[in-house]
Amino acid sequence: MVCGRVFPDGQGLVIKYGGVTLEFHSNKCASKFFRSLLERVDPDVLTPYIKRVVEEYKELYEAKAKKSIKSI
């Protein structure tokens, strides 16, 4: 657990990555952890991945918006 707060099974947010299990009791706890992580990672390493993921989400949003437009 990252923050030390205990939560019942089936609740909270659990992420397994690279042999490490991260357990968060809330979204706020997870946000705090990932903000701290981003501050410590060299931007040159992470920026290309962030841009790629943002672009993927943008494309998904645009496709969803086009799909929701009613045609008469």
N, C-alpha and C. Protein backbone atom coordinates (compact mmCIF):
# COMPACT_ATOMS: atom_id res chain seq x y z
N MET A 1 0.84 -1.17 0.00
CA MET A 1 0.00 0.00 0.00
C MET A 1 0.88 1.23 0.00
N VAL A 2 0.40 2.24 -0.66
CA VAL A 2 1.21 3.45 -0.81
C VAL A 2 1.01 4.40 0.36
N CYS A 3 -0.25 4.65 0.75
CA CYS A 3 -0.49 5.65 1.80
C CYS A 3 -0.68 5.03 3.19
N GLY A 4 -0.87 3.71 3.25
CA GLY A 4 -1.00 3.05 4.54
C GLY A 4 -2.43 2.85 5.01
N ARG A 5 -3.41 3.44 4.31
CA ARG A 5 -4.81 3.26 4.71
C ARG A 5 -5.32 1.92 4.21
N VAL A 6 -6.00 1.21 5.07
CA VAL A 6 -6.54 -0.11 4.73
C VAL A 6 -7.92 0.08 4.13
N PHE A 7 -8.22 -0.71 3.09
CA PHE A 7 -9.55 -0.67 2.50
C PHE A 7 -10.01 -2.10 2.24
N PRO A 8 -11.33 -2.32 2.25
CA PRO A 8 -11.87 -3.67 2.06
C PRO A 8 -11.52 -4.24 0.68
N ASP A 9 -11.45 -5.57 0.59
CA ASP A 9 -11.20 -6.22 -0.70
C ASP A 9 -12.27 -5.80 -1.69
N GLY A 10 -11.85 -5.58 -2.93
CA GLY A 10 -12.78 -5.18 -3.98
C GLY A 10 -12.96 -3.69 -4.07
N GLN A 11 -12.37 -2.94 -3.18
CA GLN A 11 -12.46 -1.49 -3.23
C GLN A 11 -11.07 -0.91 -3.44
N GLY A 12 -11.02 0.36 -3.74
CA GLY A 12 -9.74 1.00 -3.97
C GLY A 12 -9.26 0.76 -5.38
N LEU A 13 -8.04 1.15 -5.64
CA LEU A 13 -7.43 1.05 -6.96
C LEU A 13 -6.14 0.26 -6.81
N VAL A 14 -6.02 -0.84 -7.56
CA VAL A 14 -4.83 -1.69 -7.50
C VAL A 14 -4.21 -1.74 -8.89
N ILE A 15 -2.93 -1.39 -8.99
CA ILE A 15 -2.21 -1.41 -10.26
C ILE A 15 -0.98 -2.28 -10.08
N LYS A 16 -0.84 -3.27 -10.99
CA LYS A 16 0.34 -4.13 -10.99
C LYS A 16 1.16 -3.75 -12.22
N TYR A 17 2.42 -3.39 -12.00
CA TYR A 17 3.28 -2.94 -13.10
C TYR A 17 4.71 -3.32 -12.82
N GLY A 18 5.31 -4.07 -13.73
CA GLY A 18 6.73 -4.41 -13.62
C GLY A 18 7.09 -5.13 -12.33
N GLY A 19 6.23 -5.99 -11.83
CA GLY A 19 6.52 -6.72 -10.61
C GLY A 19 6.22 -5.95 -9.34
N VAL A 20 5.67 -4.75 -9.46
CA VAL A 20 5.33 -3.93 -8.30
C VAL A 20 3.81 -3.79 -8.25
N THR A 21 3.24 -3.97 -7.07
CA THR A 21 1.80 -3.78 -6.89
C THR A 21 1.58 -2.49 -6.11
N LEU A 22 0.81 -1.58 -6.71
CA LEU A 22 0.47 -0.32 -6.07
C LEU A 22 -0.99 -0.37 -5.66
N GLU A 23 -1.28 -0.09 -4.40
CA GLU A 23 -2.65 -0.11 -3.89
C GLU A 23 -2.99 1.27 -3.35
N PHE A 24 -4.08 1.83 -3.86
CA PHE A 24 -4.54 3.15 -3.44
C PHE A 24 -5.96 3.03 -2.91
N HIS A 25 -6.26 3.71 -1.80
CA HIS A 25 -7.59 3.62 -1.22
C HIS A 25 -8.57 4.56 -1.92
N SER A 26 -8.06 5.53 -2.70
CA SER A 26 -8.94 6.48 -3.39
C SER A 26 -8.23 7.07 -4.61
N ASN A 27 -9.01 7.73 -5.46
CA ASN A 27 -8.44 8.40 -6.62
C ASN A 27 -7.51 9.54 -6.19
N LYS A 28 -7.86 10.21 -5.11
CA LYS A 28 -7.04 11.31 -4.60
C LYS A 28 -5.65 10.79 -4.19
N CYS A 29 -5.63 9.65 -3.54
CA CYS A 29 -4.38 9.03 -3.11
C CYS A 29 -3.53 8.66 -4.34
N ALA A 30 -4.17 8.08 -5.36
CA ALA A 30 -3.47 7.70 -6.58
C ALA A 30 -2.94 8.93 -7.30
N SER A 31 -3.74 10.00 -7.37
CA SER A 31 -3.31 11.23 -8.02
C SER A 31 -2.08 11.82 -7.33
N LYS A 32 -2.08 11.81 -6.02
CA LYS A 32 -0.95 12.33 -5.26
C LYS A 32 0.33 11.54 -5.57
N PHE A 33 0.20 10.22 -5.62
CA PHE A 33 1.34 9.36 -5.91
C PHE A 33 1.88 9.62 -7.31
N PHE A 34 0.99 9.63 -8.31
CA PHE A 34 1.44 9.80 -9.69
C PHE A 34 1.97 11.21 -9.95
N ARG A 35 1.45 12.21 -9.28
CA ARG A 35 1.99 13.57 -9.39
C ARG A 35 3.44 13.57 -8.88
N SER A 36 3.66 12.93 -7.76
CA SER A 36 5.00 12.85 -7.19
C SER A 36 5.94 12.08 -8.13
N LEU A 37 5.44 11.01 -8.71
CA LEU A 37 6.23 10.21 -9.64
C LEU A 37 6.62 11.03 -10.86
N LEU A 38 5.65 11.77 -11.43
CA LEU A 38 5.93 12.59 -12.61
C LEU A 38 6.95 13.68 -12.32
N GLU A 39 6.95 14.22 -11.12
CA GLU A 39 7.91 15.25 -10.76
C GLU A 39 9.33 14.71 -10.69
N ARG A 40 9.47 13.43 -10.47
CA ARG A 40 10.81 12.83 -10.31
C ARG A 40 11.38 12.23 -11.59
N VAL A 41 10.51 11.91 -12.56
CA VAL A 41 10.97 11.29 -13.80
C VAL A 41 11.44 12.39 -14.76
N ASP A 42 12.55 12.14 -15.44
CA ASP A 42 13.09 13.09 -16.40
C ASP A 42 12.07 13.31 -17.53
N PRO A 43 11.68 14.56 -17.78
CA PRO A 43 10.69 14.85 -18.82
C PRO A 43 11.10 14.34 -20.21
N ASP A 44 12.40 14.29 -20.51
CA ASP A 44 12.84 13.79 -21.80
C ASP A 44 12.47 12.32 -22.00
N VAL A 45 12.37 11.59 -20.92
CA VAL A 45 12.03 10.17 -20.99
C VAL A 45 10.53 9.98 -21.17
N LEU A 46 9.74 10.73 -20.44
CA LEU A 46 8.31 10.49 -20.37
C LEU A 46 7.47 11.28 -21.37
N THR A 47 7.93 12.44 -21.80
CA THR A 47 7.14 13.31 -22.67
C THR A 47 6.66 12.63 -23.96
N PRO A 48 7.50 11.86 -24.67
CA PRO A 48 6.98 11.22 -25.89
C PRO A 48 5.82 10.26 -25.62
N TYR A 49 5.88 9.55 -24.51
CA TYR A 49 4.80 8.63 -24.16
C TYR A 49 3.52 9.39 -23.80
N ILE A 50 3.68 10.47 -23.06
CA ILE A 50 2.52 11.29 -22.68
C ILE A 50 1.85 11.84 -23.93
N LYS A 51 2.63 12.37 -24.85
CA LYS A 51 2.07 12.92 -26.09
C LYS A 51 1.34 11.85 -26.89
N ARG A 52 1.89 10.66 -26.95
CA ARG A 52 1.27 9.57 -27.70
C ARG A 52 -0.06 9.16 -27.08
N VAL A 53 -0.10 9.04 -25.76
CA VAL A 53 -1.34 8.66 -25.09
C VAL A 53 -2.39 9.76 -25.21
N VAL A 54 -1.97 11.02 -25.08
CA VAL A 54 -2.91 12.14 -25.25
C VAL A 54 -3.50 12.11 -26.65
N GLU A 55 -2.69 11.85 -27.66
CA GLU A 55 -3.18 11.78 -29.03
C GLU A 55 -4.17 10.63 -29.21
N GLU A 56 -3.89 9.48 -28.60
CA GLU A 56 -4.82 8.35 -28.68
C GLU A 56 -6.17 8.70 -28.05
N TYR A 57 -6.14 9.35 -26.89
CA TYR A 57 -7.38 9.74 -26.23
C TYR A 57 -8.13 10.79 -27.05
N LYS A 58 -7.40 11.69 -27.68
CA LYS A 58 -8.01 12.72 -28.53
C LYS A 58 -8.73 12.06 -29.71
N GLU A 59 -8.08 11.08 -30.33
CA GLU A 59 -8.70 10.37 -31.44
C GLU A 59 -9.94 9.61 -31.00
N LEU A 60 -9.88 8.97 -29.83
CA LEU A 60 -11.06 8.26 -29.31
C LEU A 60 -12.21 9.24 -29.04
N TYR A 61 -11.89 10.39 -28.47
CA TYR A 61 -12.91 11.40 -28.19
C TYR A 61 -13.55 11.89 -29.48
N GLU A 62 -12.73 12.18 -30.49
CA GLU A 62 -13.25 12.66 -31.76
C GLU A 62 -14.13 11.60 -32.43
N ALA A 63 -13.71 10.35 -32.39
CA ALA A 63 -14.51 9.27 -32.98
C ALA A 63 -15.84 9.13 -32.25
N LYS A 64 -15.82 9.25 -30.94
CA LYS A 64 -17.05 9.16 -30.16
C LYS A 64 -17.96 10.34 -30.46
N ALA A 65 -17.39 11.54 -30.62
CA ALA A 65 -18.18 12.72 -30.93
C ALA A 65 -18.83 12.59 -32.30
N LYS A 66 -18.11 12.08 -33.28
CA LYS A 66 -18.67 11.88 -34.62
C LYS A 66 -19.79 10.85 -34.59
N LYS A 67 -19.62 9.83 -33.79
CA LYS A 67 -20.62 8.77 -33.69
C LYS A 67 -21.91 9.26 -33.05
N SER A 68 -21.80 10.22 -32.13
CA SER A 68 -22.96 10.70 -31.42
C SER A 68 -23.75 11.77 -32.17
N ILE A 69 -23.19 12.28 -33.29
CA ILE A 69 -23.89 13.28 -34.09
C ILE A 69 -25.05 12.60 -34.83
N LYS A 70 -26.22 13.18 -34.68
CA LYS A 70 -27.40 12.62 -35.35
C LYS A 70 -27.41 13.08 -36.80
N SER A 71 -27.68 12.14 -37.68
CA SER A 71 -27.81 12.50 -39.09
C SER A 71 -29.28 12.41 -39.47
N ILE A 72 -29.73 13.43 -40.17
CA ILE A 72 -31.15 13.48 -40.57
C ILE A 72 -31.28 13.18 -42.04
